[in-house]
Amino acid sequence: MSQTDYQLLRQRLERLYNELLVIEQQLHPLVTRLRTVLGEYLGVEMAPPVAPAPEAPPREAPARVIVTEVPATEVPRPAPAVDPTRALLEQLIRVFAAGMKLARYTDHRFVVAPEPITYEGNVHDLGQNYDVVILSPSIDTQIEIDKPVEPNTPVVFANTFLTIDNMIVRRIYYKGVSPVLKGKMSIWAFKY
């Protein structure tokens, strides 16, 4: 470790020590007040107040050692600390730029499809285009949007919710996976 690295490290440790000393001085009255209030609530006799911690004697500035034989090298500046508020705002801007919709929905519709969920399959037409649709089948069901159900369509399990967002939806095709069960399809549709 070079002499300049040692000096920089020592300065950082001294700064940390001084910051901890300030924090300790600020927290001591708070802890004393909390203990007093808690003691009053519990009915505990008050102990004599604890004398505040003696202040550390002022420290003399350490003698600086400057090495003249070594040519001065440029020490890279530490990167500025990231402000958490700024980081949060930048993250929100990235999310909004990705297409988050801030507008509330202007129209909504809730319906239990009159066509039951069967093994043969059915389709429900919403009558107009919607931006967001939430589907909840009462039995295990394969669901497709605007096209018939295919054999490799994934299964949506009974009484769970399937949310379809960022897609225009008009017709919902659904088919039960059990040949003996019939069920109902609950549909919530929203338009922005």
N, C-alpha and C. Protein backbone atom coordinates (compact mmCIF):
# COMPACT_ATOMS: atom_id res chain seq x y z
N MET A 1 0.86 -1.17 0.00
CA MET A 1 0.00 0.00 0.00
C MET A 1 0.91 1.23 0.00
N SER A 2 0.68 2.09 -0.94
CA SER A 2 1.52 3.28 -1.05
C SER A 2 1.15 4.28 0.05
N GLN A 3 1.99 5.24 0.21
CA GLN A 3 1.81 6.25 1.24
C GLN A 3 0.53 7.07 0.99
N THR A 4 0.27 7.43 -0.27
CA THR A 4 -0.93 8.23 -0.58
C THR A 4 -2.19 7.40 -0.34
N ASP A 5 -2.16 6.09 -0.68
CA ASP A 5 -3.32 5.23 -0.41
C ASP A 5 -3.59 5.15 1.08
N TYR A 6 -2.52 5.04 1.85
CA TYR A 6 -2.66 4.98 3.30
C TYR A 6 -3.28 6.27 3.84
N GLN A 7 -2.83 7.40 3.33
CA GLN A 7 -3.36 8.68 3.79
C GLN A 7 -4.84 8.83 3.44
N LEU A 8 -5.21 8.42 2.23
CA LEU A 8 -6.61 8.50 1.82
C LEU A 8 -7.48 7.59 2.69
N LEU A 9 -6.99 6.39 2.97
CA LEU A 9 -7.74 5.45 3.80
C LEU A 9 -7.89 6.01 5.21
N ARG A 10 -6.83 6.57 5.73
CA ARG A 10 -6.89 7.14 7.09
C ARG A 10 -7.88 8.30 7.14
N GLN A 11 -7.90 9.15 6.13
CA GLN A 11 -8.84 10.27 6.10
C GLN A 11 -10.28 9.78 6.06
N ARG A 12 -10.52 8.75 5.28
CA ARG A 12 -11.88 8.20 5.21
C ARG A 12 -12.30 7.61 6.55
N LEU A 13 -11.40 6.88 7.20
CA LEU A 13 -11.73 6.30 8.49
C LEU A 13 -11.97 7.38 9.54
N GLU A 14 -11.20 8.46 9.51
CA GLU A 14 -11.42 9.55 10.45
C GLU A 14 -12.77 10.21 10.21
N ARG A 15 -13.13 10.40 8.94
CA ARG A 15 -14.42 10.99 8.61
C ARG A 15 -15.55 10.09 9.10
N LEU A 16 -15.44 8.78 8.94
CA LEU A 16 -16.43 7.83 9.41
C LEU A 16 -16.54 7.89 10.94
N TYR A 17 -15.40 7.95 11.62
CA TYR A 17 -15.38 8.05 13.07
C TYR A 17 -16.13 9.30 13.53
N ASN A 18 -15.86 10.43 12.90
CA ASN A 18 -16.53 11.68 13.28
C ASN A 18 -18.03 11.63 13.01
N GLU A 19 -18.43 11.01 11.91
CA GLU A 19 -19.86 10.88 11.61
C GLU A 19 -20.55 9.99 12.63
N LEU A 20 -19.90 8.90 13.04
CA LEU A 20 -20.47 8.02 14.06
C LEU A 20 -20.60 8.74 15.39
N LEU A 21 -19.66 9.60 15.71
CA LEU A 21 -19.71 10.38 16.94
C LEU A 21 -20.91 11.32 16.94
N VAL A 22 -21.17 11.96 15.81
CA VAL A 22 -22.33 12.86 15.69
C VAL A 22 -23.62 12.07 15.82
N ILE A 23 -23.69 10.90 15.18
CA ILE A 23 -24.90 10.07 15.25
C ILE A 23 -25.15 9.64 16.69
N GLU A 24 -24.11 9.24 17.39
CA GLU A 24 -24.24 8.81 18.78
C GLU A 24 -24.77 9.96 19.64
N GLN A 25 -24.28 11.17 19.44
CA GLN A 25 -24.73 12.32 20.22
C GLN A 25 -26.19 12.66 19.92
N GLN A 26 -26.64 12.42 18.69
CA GLN A 26 -28.02 12.72 18.33
C GLN A 26 -28.97 11.66 18.86
N LEU A 27 -28.56 10.41 18.92
CA LEU A 27 -29.44 9.33 19.36
C LEU A 27 -29.55 9.24 20.87
N HIS A 28 -28.56 9.67 21.62
CA HIS A 28 -28.57 9.53 23.07
C HIS A 28 -29.81 10.18 23.71
N PRO A 29 -30.20 11.42 23.38
CA PRO A 29 -31.41 11.99 23.98
C PRO A 29 -32.67 11.23 23.58
N LEU A 30 -32.73 10.70 22.37
CA LEU A 30 -33.91 9.96 21.94
C LEU A 30 -34.07 8.68 22.73
N VAL A 31 -32.98 7.97 22.96
CA VAL A 31 -33.03 6.72 23.71
C VAL A 31 -33.43 7.00 25.15
N THR A 32 -32.90 8.06 25.73
CA THR A 32 -33.24 8.43 27.11
C THR A 32 -34.73 8.75 27.21
N ARG A 33 -35.26 9.52 26.28
CA ARG A 33 -36.69 9.88 26.30
C ARG A 33 -37.56 8.65 26.12
N LEU A 34 -37.20 7.74 25.22
CA LEU A 34 -37.96 6.51 25.01
C LEU A 34 -37.98 5.67 26.27
N ARG A 35 -36.83 5.54 26.95
CA ARG A 35 -36.75 4.77 28.18
C ARG A 35 -37.63 5.41 29.25
N THR A 36 -37.67 6.72 29.34
CA THR A 36 -38.47 7.43 30.33
C THR A 36 -39.96 7.20 30.10
N VAL A 37 -40.39 7.34 28.87
CA VAL A 37 -41.80 7.15 28.54
C VAL A 37 -42.21 5.70 28.80
N LEU A 38 -41.38 4.75 28.43
CA LEU A 38 -41.69 3.34 28.65
C LEU A 38 -41.74 3.05 30.14
N GLY A 39 -40.83 3.64 30.91
CA GLY A 39 -40.84 3.44 32.36
C GLY A 39 -42.10 4.00 32.99
N GLU A 40 -42.55 5.17 32.53
CA GLU A 40 -43.79 5.75 33.05
C GLU A 40 -44.97 4.86 32.73
N TYR A 41 -45.00 4.32 31.54
CA TYR A 41 -46.11 3.45 31.13
C TYR A 41 -46.14 2.18 31.96
N LEU A 42 -45.00 1.58 32.22
CA LEU A 42 -44.92 0.33 32.97
C LEU A 42 -44.98 0.56 34.48
N GLY A 43 -44.86 1.80 34.94
CA GLY A 43 -44.89 2.10 36.36
C GLY A 43 -43.59 1.75 37.05
N VAL A 44 -42.52 1.72 36.32
CA VAL A 44 -41.22 1.40 36.89
C VAL A 44 -40.64 2.67 37.48
N GLU A 45 -40.01 2.52 38.68
CA GLU A 45 -39.39 3.69 39.28
C GLU A 45 -38.30 4.19 38.35
N MET A 46 -38.22 5.47 38.31
CA MET A 46 -37.25 6.06 37.41
C MET A 46 -35.85 5.89 37.97
N ALA A 47 -34.98 5.34 37.15
CA ALA A 47 -33.59 5.22 37.53
C ALA A 47 -32.96 6.59 37.35
N PRO A 48 -31.92 6.87 38.09
CA PRO A 48 -31.28 8.17 37.89
C PRO A 48 -30.82 8.29 36.45
N PRO A 49 -30.94 9.49 35.91
CA PRO A 49 -30.56 9.65 34.50
C PRO A 49 -29.09 9.31 34.32
N VAL A 50 -28.86 8.70 33.22
CA VAL A 50 -27.50 8.31 32.87
C VAL A 50 -26.76 9.56 32.40
N ALA A 51 -25.59 9.72 32.95
CA ALA A 51 -24.80 10.88 32.54
C ALA A 51 -24.45 10.76 31.07
N PRO A 52 -24.52 11.86 30.35
CA PRO A 52 -24.19 11.76 28.93
C PRO A 52 -22.74 11.33 28.75
N ALA A 53 -22.53 10.66 27.68
CA ALA A 53 -21.18 10.17 27.38
C ALA A 53 -20.24 11.36 27.27
N PRO A 54 -19.09 11.24 27.89
CA PRO A 54 -18.16 12.37 27.79
C PRO A 54 -17.74 12.58 26.35
N GLU A 55 -17.62 13.84 26.04
CA GLU A 55 -17.21 14.15 24.68
C GLU A 55 -15.76 13.77 24.49
N ALA A 56 -15.48 13.29 23.36
CA ALA A 56 -14.11 12.90 23.06
C ALA A 56 -13.25 14.16 23.01
N PRO A 57 -12.07 14.06 23.57
CA PRO A 57 -11.21 15.25 23.51
C PRO A 57 -10.90 15.57 22.06
N PRO A 58 -10.75 16.85 21.79
CA PRO A 58 -10.45 17.20 20.39
C PRO A 58 -9.15 16.55 19.96
N ARG A 59 -9.20 16.00 18.81
CA ARG A 59 -8.03 15.29 18.30
C ARG A 59 -7.17 16.24 17.49
N GLU A 60 -5.94 16.06 17.67
CA GLU A 60 -5.02 16.88 16.90
C GLU A 60 -4.96 16.33 15.48
N ALA A 61 -4.86 17.19 14.55
CA ALA A 61 -4.75 16.76 13.17
C ALA A 61 -3.46 15.98 13.01
N PRO A 62 -3.52 14.81 12.41
CA PRO A 62 -2.29 14.03 12.24
C PRO A 62 -1.34 14.75 11.29
N ALA A 63 -0.11 14.53 11.58
CA ALA A 63 0.90 15.14 10.71
C ALA A 63 0.81 14.52 9.34
N ARG A 64 0.85 15.33 8.34
CA ARG A 64 0.76 14.84 6.97
C ARG A 64 2.17 14.51 6.49
N VAL A 65 2.25 13.37 5.88
CA VAL A 65 3.54 12.95 5.33
C VAL A 65 3.46 13.11 3.83
N ILE A 66 4.34 13.88 3.29
CA ILE A 66 4.35 14.08 1.85
C ILE A 66 5.64 13.46 1.33
N VAL A 67 5.45 12.56 0.40
CA VAL A 67 6.61 11.90 -0.19
C VAL A 67 7.01 12.70 -1.42
N THR A 68 8.23 13.16 -1.41
CA THR A 68 8.66 14.01 -2.53
C THR A 68 9.34 13.22 -3.62
N GLU A 69 9.83 12.02 -3.28
CA GLU A 69 10.55 11.26 -4.30
C GLU A 69 9.60 10.67 -5.34
N VAL A 70 8.36 10.39 -4.94
CA VAL A 70 7.42 9.73 -5.84
C VAL A 70 6.70 10.80 -6.65
N PRO A 71 6.68 10.66 -7.97
CA PRO A 71 5.95 11.64 -8.76
C PRO A 71 4.45 11.53 -8.45
N ALA A 72 3.79 12.67 -8.42
CA ALA A 72 2.37 12.70 -8.09
C ALA A 72 1.58 12.00 -9.20
N THR A 73 0.74 11.09 -8.79
CA THR A 73 -0.14 10.41 -9.75
C THR A 73 -1.55 10.90 -9.50
N GLU A 74 -2.31 10.93 -10.54
CA GLU A 74 -3.67 11.42 -10.42
C GLU A 74 -4.53 10.32 -9.81
N VAL A 75 -5.15 10.60 -8.69
CA VAL A 75 -6.01 9.65 -8.01
C VAL A 75 -7.42 9.82 -8.57
N PRO A 76 -8.06 8.73 -9.01
CA PRO A 76 -9.41 8.89 -9.55
C PRO A 76 -10.37 9.33 -8.45
N ARG A 77 -11.23 10.25 -8.80
CA ARG A 77 -12.23 10.72 -7.85
C ARG A 77 -13.25 9.62 -7.61
N PRO A 78 -13.71 9.50 -6.38
CA PRO A 78 -14.76 8.50 -6.14
C PRO A 78 -16.04 8.93 -6.85
N ALA A 79 -16.77 7.96 -7.32
CA ALA A 79 -18.03 8.24 -8.01
C ALA A 79 -19.00 8.86 -7.01
N PRO A 80 -19.76 9.87 -7.43
CA PRO A 80 -20.70 10.48 -6.49
C PRO A 80 -21.75 9.46 -6.06
N ALA A 81 -22.17 9.56 -4.83
CA ALA A 81 -23.19 8.65 -4.32
C ALA A 81 -24.49 8.86 -5.09
N VAL A 82 -25.20 7.78 -5.34
CA VAL A 82 -26.45 7.86 -6.07
C VAL A 82 -27.55 8.30 -5.11
N ASP A 83 -28.22 9.37 -5.47
CA ASP A 83 -29.32 9.87 -4.66
C ASP A 83 -30.50 8.91 -4.84
N PRO A 84 -31.06 8.35 -3.75
CA PRO A 84 -32.14 7.38 -3.91
C PRO A 84 -33.38 7.98 -4.56
N THR A 85 -33.66 9.25 -4.30
CA THR A 85 -34.83 9.88 -4.93
C THR A 85 -34.63 9.99 -6.43
N ARG A 86 -33.43 10.38 -6.83
CA ARG A 86 -33.15 10.49 -8.25
C ARG A 86 -33.21 9.12 -8.93
N ALA A 87 -32.68 8.09 -8.26
CA ALA A 87 -32.71 6.74 -8.82
C ALA A 87 -34.16 6.27 -9.00
N LEU A 88 -35.02 6.57 -8.01
CA LEU A 88 -36.43 6.19 -8.11
C LEU A 88 -37.11 6.91 -9.27
N LEU A 89 -36.84 8.20 -9.41
CA LEU A 89 -37.44 8.96 -10.51
C LEU A 89 -36.98 8.44 -11.86
N GLU A 90 -35.69 8.12 -11.98
CA GLU A 90 -35.20 7.57 -13.25
C GLU A 90 -35.86 6.23 -13.55
N GLN A 91 -36.06 5.41 -12.53
CA GLN A 91 -36.72 4.13 -12.75
C GLN A 91 -38.16 4.34 -13.19
N LEU A 92 -38.87 5.29 -12.57
CA LEU A 92 -40.25 5.57 -12.98
C LEU A 92 -40.31 6.06 -14.42
N ILE A 93 -39.37 6.90 -14.81
CA ILE A 93 -39.34 7.39 -16.18
C ILE A 93 -39.14 6.24 -17.16
N ARG A 94 -38.26 5.28 -16.81
CA ARG A 94 -38.05 4.11 -17.68
C ARG A 94 -39.33 3.28 -17.79
N VAL A 95 -40.04 3.12 -16.68
CA VAL A 95 -41.28 2.34 -16.71
C VAL A 95 -42.33 3.05 -17.56
N PHE A 96 -42.47 4.37 -17.37
CA PHE A 96 -43.46 5.11 -18.15
C PHE A 96 -43.11 5.11 -19.63
N ALA A 97 -41.84 5.19 -19.95
CA ALA A 97 -41.42 5.17 -21.35
C ALA A 97 -41.71 3.81 -21.98
N ALA A 98 -41.77 2.77 -21.17
CA ALA A 98 -42.03 1.43 -21.70
C ALA A 98 -43.50 1.24 -22.05
N GLY A 99 -44.35 2.16 -21.69
CA GLY A 99 -45.75 2.08 -22.12
C GLY A 99 -46.75 1.88 -21.01
N MET A 100 -46.47 2.31 -19.82
CA MET A 100 -47.43 2.18 -18.74
C MET A 100 -48.61 3.12 -19.01
N LYS A 101 -49.83 2.60 -18.81
CA LYS A 101 -51.02 3.41 -19.05
C LYS A 101 -51.43 4.07 -17.74
N LEU A 102 -51.51 5.40 -17.75
CA LEU A 102 -51.89 6.13 -16.57
C LEU A 102 -53.38 6.46 -16.56
N ALA A 103 -54.03 6.36 -17.71
CA ALA A 103 -55.45 6.72 -17.81
C ALA A 103 -56.31 5.65 -17.14
N ARG A 104 -57.39 6.08 -16.54
CA ARG A 104 -58.35 5.15 -15.97
C ARG A 104 -59.21 4.59 -17.10
N TYR A 105 -59.83 3.47 -16.86
CA TYR A 105 -60.67 2.91 -17.90
C TYR A 105 -61.92 3.76 -18.08
N THR A 106 -62.41 3.82 -19.32
CA THR A 106 -63.58 4.64 -19.63
C THR A 106 -64.85 3.80 -19.71
N ASP A 107 -64.70 2.50 -19.93
CA ASP A 107 -65.85 1.63 -20.06
C ASP A 107 -65.48 0.26 -19.52
N HIS A 108 -66.41 -0.40 -18.87
CA HIS A 108 -66.13 -1.74 -18.39
C HIS A 108 -67.38 -2.59 -18.52
N ARG A 109 -67.15 -3.89 -18.48
CA ARG A 109 -68.25 -4.83 -18.63
C ARG A 109 -67.94 -6.07 -17.81
N PHE A 110 -68.91 -6.55 -17.05
CA PHE A 110 -68.77 -7.81 -16.34
C PHE A 110 -69.88 -8.73 -16.81
N VAL A 111 -69.51 -9.94 -17.15
CA VAL A 111 -70.51 -10.89 -17.63
C VAL A 111 -70.05 -12.31 -17.30
N VAL A 112 -71.02 -13.16 -17.02
CA VAL A 112 -70.77 -14.59 -16.98
C VAL A 112 -71.27 -15.10 -18.32
N ALA A 113 -70.34 -15.66 -19.09
CA ALA A 113 -70.68 -16.06 -20.46
C ALA A 113 -71.88 -17.02 -20.46
N PRO A 114 -72.89 -16.73 -21.32
CA PRO A 114 -74.06 -17.63 -21.38
C PRO A 114 -73.70 -18.99 -21.97
N GLU A 115 -72.63 -19.05 -22.76
CA GLU A 115 -72.20 -20.31 -23.33
C GLU A 115 -71.34 -21.03 -22.29
N PRO A 116 -71.73 -22.23 -21.83
CA PRO A 116 -70.96 -22.90 -20.78
C PRO A 116 -69.61 -23.40 -21.31
N ILE A 117 -68.71 -23.67 -20.38
CA ILE A 117 -67.43 -24.28 -20.74
C ILE A 117 -67.69 -25.77 -20.91
N THR A 118 -67.44 -26.27 -22.11
CA THR A 118 -67.66 -27.70 -22.37
C THR A 118 -66.42 -28.29 -23.04
N TYR A 119 -66.42 -29.61 -23.13
CA TYR A 119 -65.29 -30.30 -23.77
C TYR A 119 -65.27 -30.03 -25.27
N GLU A 120 -66.42 -29.75 -25.86
CA GLU A 120 -66.50 -29.44 -27.29
C GLU A 120 -65.99 -28.03 -27.59
N GLY A 121 -66.08 -27.13 -26.63
CA GLY A 121 -65.60 -25.77 -26.81
C GLY A 121 -66.71 -24.80 -27.15
N ASN A 122 -66.50 -23.53 -26.81
CA ASN A 122 -67.45 -22.47 -27.09
C ASN A 122 -66.70 -21.17 -27.33
N VAL A 123 -67.46 -20.16 -27.76
CA VAL A 123 -66.88 -18.85 -28.00
C VAL A 123 -67.84 -17.81 -27.45
N HIS A 124 -67.27 -16.73 -26.88
CA HIS A 124 -68.10 -15.62 -26.41
C HIS A 124 -67.61 -14.35 -27.09
N ASP A 125 -68.54 -13.63 -27.71
CA ASP A 125 -68.23 -12.37 -28.39
C ASP A 125 -68.60 -11.23 -27.44
N LEU A 126 -67.63 -10.36 -27.13
CA LEU A 126 -67.87 -9.25 -26.22
C LEU A 126 -68.68 -8.13 -26.86
N GLY A 127 -68.83 -8.14 -28.18
CA GLY A 127 -69.62 -7.15 -28.87
C GLY A 127 -68.82 -5.94 -29.33
N GLN A 128 -67.70 -5.66 -28.69
CA GLN A 128 -66.81 -4.58 -29.09
C GLN A 128 -65.41 -4.90 -28.59
N ASN A 129 -64.44 -4.12 -29.02
CA ASN A 129 -63.06 -4.36 -28.64
C ASN A 129 -62.77 -3.80 -27.25
N TYR A 130 -62.01 -4.57 -26.45
CA TYR A 130 -61.60 -4.15 -25.11
C TYR A 130 -60.08 -4.24 -25.00
N ASP A 131 -59.52 -3.37 -24.13
CA ASP A 131 -58.06 -3.31 -23.97
C ASP A 131 -57.53 -4.30 -22.94
N VAL A 132 -58.29 -4.53 -21.88
CA VAL A 132 -57.88 -5.44 -20.81
C VAL A 132 -59.04 -6.37 -20.51
N VAL A 133 -58.73 -7.66 -20.39
CA VAL A 133 -59.76 -8.64 -20.06
C VAL A 133 -59.22 -9.55 -18.97
N ILE A 134 -60.06 -9.80 -17.96
CA ILE A 134 -59.71 -10.74 -16.90
C ILE A 134 -60.71 -11.89 -16.98
N LEU A 135 -60.18 -13.10 -17.07
CA LEU A 135 -61.02 -14.29 -17.23
C LEU A 135 -60.84 -15.22 -16.03
N SER A 136 -61.96 -15.81 -15.57
CA SER A 136 -61.89 -16.77 -14.47
C SER A 136 -62.83 -17.93 -14.76
N PRO A 137 -62.28 -19.07 -15.21
CA PRO A 137 -63.13 -20.24 -15.47
C PRO A 137 -63.40 -21.00 -14.17
N SER A 138 -64.57 -21.67 -14.11
CA SER A 138 -64.90 -22.44 -12.91
C SER A 138 -64.35 -23.87 -12.97
N ILE A 139 -63.88 -24.30 -14.15
CA ILE A 139 -63.22 -25.60 -14.28
C ILE A 139 -61.93 -25.39 -15.10
N ASP A 140 -61.06 -26.39 -15.10
CA ASP A 140 -59.83 -26.29 -15.89
C ASP A 140 -60.20 -26.09 -17.36
N THR A 141 -59.59 -25.07 -17.98
CA THR A 141 -60.02 -24.65 -19.32
C THR A 141 -58.82 -24.21 -20.15
N GLN A 142 -58.91 -24.46 -21.46
CA GLN A 142 -57.97 -23.90 -22.42
C GLN A 142 -58.63 -22.66 -23.01
N ILE A 143 -57.86 -21.55 -23.07
CA ILE A 143 -58.44 -20.28 -23.52
C ILE A 143 -57.56 -19.68 -24.62
N GLU A 144 -58.20 -19.20 -25.67
CA GLU A 144 -57.52 -18.47 -26.75
C GLU A 144 -58.29 -17.17 -27.02
N ILE A 145 -57.60 -16.20 -27.57
CA ILE A 145 -58.21 -14.92 -27.89
C ILE A 145 -58.26 -14.77 -29.41
N ASP A 146 -59.45 -14.53 -29.93
CA ASP A 146 -59.69 -14.27 -31.36
C ASP A 146 -59.23 -15.39 -32.28
N LYS A 147 -59.08 -16.61 -31.78
CA LYS A 147 -58.79 -17.78 -32.63
C LYS A 147 -59.21 -19.03 -31.87
N PRO A 148 -59.58 -20.08 -32.58
CA PRO A 148 -60.03 -21.30 -31.91
C PRO A 148 -58.92 -21.93 -31.06
N VAL A 149 -59.36 -22.67 -30.06
CA VAL A 149 -58.44 -23.36 -29.15
C VAL A 149 -57.74 -24.47 -29.91
N GLU A 150 -56.43 -24.58 -29.70
CA GLU A 150 -55.63 -25.63 -30.35
C GLU A 150 -55.27 -26.68 -29.30
N PRO A 151 -54.85 -27.89 -29.73
CA PRO A 151 -54.52 -28.94 -28.76
C PRO A 151 -53.37 -28.56 -27.81
N ASN A 152 -52.45 -27.71 -28.27
CA ASN A 152 -51.30 -27.36 -27.42
C ASN A 152 -51.52 -26.07 -26.64
N THR A 153 -52.74 -25.54 -26.59
CA THR A 153 -53.05 -24.34 -25.81
C THR A 153 -52.89 -24.67 -24.32
N PRO A 154 -52.20 -23.81 -23.57
CA PRO A 154 -52.03 -24.08 -22.13
C PRO A 154 -53.35 -24.06 -21.39
N VAL A 155 -53.37 -24.71 -20.24
CA VAL A 155 -54.57 -24.83 -19.42
C VAL A 155 -54.57 -23.76 -18.34
N VAL A 156 -55.73 -23.10 -18.19
CA VAL A 156 -55.95 -22.17 -17.08
C VAL A 156 -56.74 -22.95 -16.05
N PHE A 157 -56.20 -23.04 -14.83
CA PHE A 157 -56.82 -23.89 -13.82
C PHE A 157 -58.08 -23.26 -13.26
N ALA A 158 -58.95 -24.09 -12.68
CA ALA A 158 -60.24 -23.66 -12.17
C ALA A 158 -60.08 -22.59 -11.11
N ASN A 159 -60.96 -21.59 -11.16
CA ASN A 159 -61.05 -20.52 -10.18
C ASN A 159 -59.75 -19.72 -10.02
N THR A 160 -58.98 -19.63 -11.09
CA THR A 160 -57.83 -18.73 -11.11
C THR A 160 -58.13 -17.63 -12.12
N PHE A 161 -57.27 -16.63 -12.18
CA PHE A 161 -57.52 -15.48 -13.05
C PHE A 161 -56.46 -15.42 -14.14
N LEU A 162 -56.91 -15.15 -15.34
CA LEU A 162 -56.02 -14.92 -16.48
C LEU A 162 -56.25 -13.48 -16.92
N THR A 163 -55.20 -12.66 -16.85
CA THR A 163 -55.30 -11.26 -17.24
C THR A 163 -54.67 -11.10 -18.62
N ILE A 164 -55.41 -10.52 -19.54
CA ILE A 164 -54.92 -10.26 -20.89
C ILE A 164 -54.86 -8.75 -21.05
N ASP A 165 -53.63 -8.24 -21.17
CA ASP A 165 -53.40 -6.80 -21.23
C ASP A 165 -52.57 -6.49 -22.46
N ASN A 166 -52.61 -5.23 -22.92
CA ASN A 166 -51.85 -4.79 -24.09
C ASN A 166 -52.23 -5.59 -25.34
N MET A 167 -53.50 -5.92 -25.44
CA MET A 167 -53.98 -6.70 -26.58
C MET A 167 -55.46 -6.37 -26.77
N ILE A 168 -55.86 -6.13 -27.99
CA ILE A 168 -57.27 -5.86 -28.27
C ILE A 168 -58.01 -7.19 -28.28
N VAL A 169 -59.09 -7.28 -27.49
CA VAL A 169 -59.84 -8.53 -27.33
C VAL A 169 -61.29 -8.30 -27.71
N ARG A 170 -61.82 -9.18 -28.56
CA ARG A 170 -63.25 -9.14 -28.89
C ARG A 170 -63.89 -10.50 -28.64
N ARG A 171 -63.29 -11.57 -29.16
CA ARG A 171 -63.85 -12.92 -29.00
C ARG A 171 -62.95 -13.77 -28.10
N ILE A 172 -63.59 -14.54 -27.24
CA ILE A 172 -62.86 -15.42 -26.34
C ILE A 172 -63.31 -16.85 -26.64
N TYR A 173 -62.35 -17.66 -27.05
CA TYR A 173 -62.60 -19.07 -27.32
C TYR A 173 -62.14 -19.87 -26.10
N TYR A 174 -62.96 -20.82 -25.65
CA TYR A 174 -62.58 -21.62 -24.49
C TYR A 174 -63.10 -23.03 -24.64
N LYS A 175 -62.36 -23.96 -24.02
CA LYS A 175 -62.68 -25.39 -24.14
C LYS A 175 -62.27 -26.06 -22.85
N GLY A 176 -63.17 -26.84 -22.23
CA GLY A 176 -62.87 -27.57 -21.01
C GLY A 176 -61.95 -28.74 -21.29
N VAL A 177 -61.19 -29.14 -20.31
CA VAL A 177 -60.25 -30.26 -20.51
C VAL A 177 -60.86 -31.58 -20.06
N SER A 178 -61.98 -31.53 -19.38
CA SER A 178 -62.65 -32.76 -18.92
C SER A 178 -63.89 -33.01 -19.76
N PRO A 179 -64.07 -34.23 -20.29
CA PRO A 179 -65.25 -34.50 -21.12
C PRO A 179 -66.56 -34.57 -20.32
N VAL A 180 -66.51 -34.66 -19.00
CA VAL A 180 -67.75 -34.81 -18.22
C VAL A 180 -68.16 -33.54 -17.47
N LEU A 181 -67.25 -32.61 -17.29
CA LEU A 181 -67.58 -31.40 -16.52
C LEU A 181 -68.04 -30.26 -17.42
N LYS A 182 -68.94 -29.44 -16.87
CA LYS A 182 -69.34 -28.19 -17.52
C LYS A 182 -69.11 -27.08 -16.50
N GLY A 183 -68.73 -25.89 -17.00
CA GLY A 183 -68.45 -24.80 -16.09
C GLY A 183 -68.89 -23.46 -16.63
N LYS A 184 -68.61 -22.42 -15.86
CA LYS A 184 -68.97 -21.05 -16.24
C LYS A 184 -67.69 -20.24 -16.42
N MET A 185 -67.76 -19.26 -17.34
CA MET A 185 -66.63 -18.36 -17.59
C MET A 185 -67.03 -16.96 -17.14
N SER A 186 -66.35 -16.44 -16.12
CA SER A 186 -66.57 -15.05 -15.66
C SER A 186 -65.61 -14.15 -16.41
N ILE A 187 -66.15 -13.04 -16.93
CA ILE A 187 -65.35 -12.15 -17.78
C ILE A 187 -65.50 -10.71 -17.28
N TRP A 188 -64.35 -10.06 -17.04
CA TRP A 188 -64.30 -8.62 -16.76
C TRP A 188 -63.54 -7.99 -17.91
N ALA A 189 -64.16 -7.01 -18.58
CA ALA A 189 -63.53 -6.37 -19.72
C ALA A 189 -63.48 -4.87 -19.47
N PHE A 190 -62.30 -4.25 -19.81
CA PHE A 190 -62.09 -2.82 -19.57
C PHE A 190 -61.61 -2.16 -20.84
N LYS A 191 -62.06 -0.92 -21.06
CA LYS A 191 -61.64 -0.15 -22.22
C LYS A 191 -61.05 1.16 -21.73
N TYR A 192 -59.88 1.53 -22.26
CA TYR A 192 -59.23 2.79 -21.87
C TYR A 192 -59.62 3.91 -22.82
